[in-house]
């Protein structure tokens, strides 16, 4: 059911509400393009090191739990779906539905971080840590879990990529909560739903990054 909403007045430097929307959308796409460049540098580093140390990558990825990675992939795909439903509800002026779909997205995002917490906790417990903190003497050598001395390179990239992605998830949760509060106050309508759509674009990007990370890190063999 649609609810009354507060009227939106576009900023004075825009010619119309449509002009405001198109400008915001263009700005968001430019922001996402620089995010693509940001992650691309890390993907290039991943590819270069994998080319030089394939055996290290092969050994190291077995320490990752593909079931947890797969569960997180499913969670984020579902969260993209609920976010799309939230955008659709905002466009139609359905306040309660918008709020609920944003809340479901937040719950799913929380679930993603909880799974990642358990993954990280296990690795920290057994000494799999990034860079110089990796317990080389305990984990690498004849008869030990890893034999290739370059294994820490993989885990440094793993923690960098998944850590930065997790930070983007946290930021996304913050802005989703912000627009949820605004939606609850009835600030969005068929004539104004720009913040919901912009946050939706960001969230789909975050999900897409993980869809690349999952096979690269968990399924490389």
Foldseek 3Di string as FASTA:
>chain_A
DADDFDDDDDDPVAPDLVRVLVVLVVVLVVVVVVVCVVVVVLVVVLVVVCVVCVVLLVLLLVLADLVLLVVLLVLLVVLLVLLVQLLVCLLARNLVSNLVSLVSSLVSLVVSVVSVVVRVVVCVVQQLDADPSRPCVQAEPPPHSHPDSCNNVLSNSVCVLVVVLNVLSVVLSVLSVVVSVVSNNRHTHSSDDSSSVSSSVSSVSSSVSSVVVSCSRNVVD
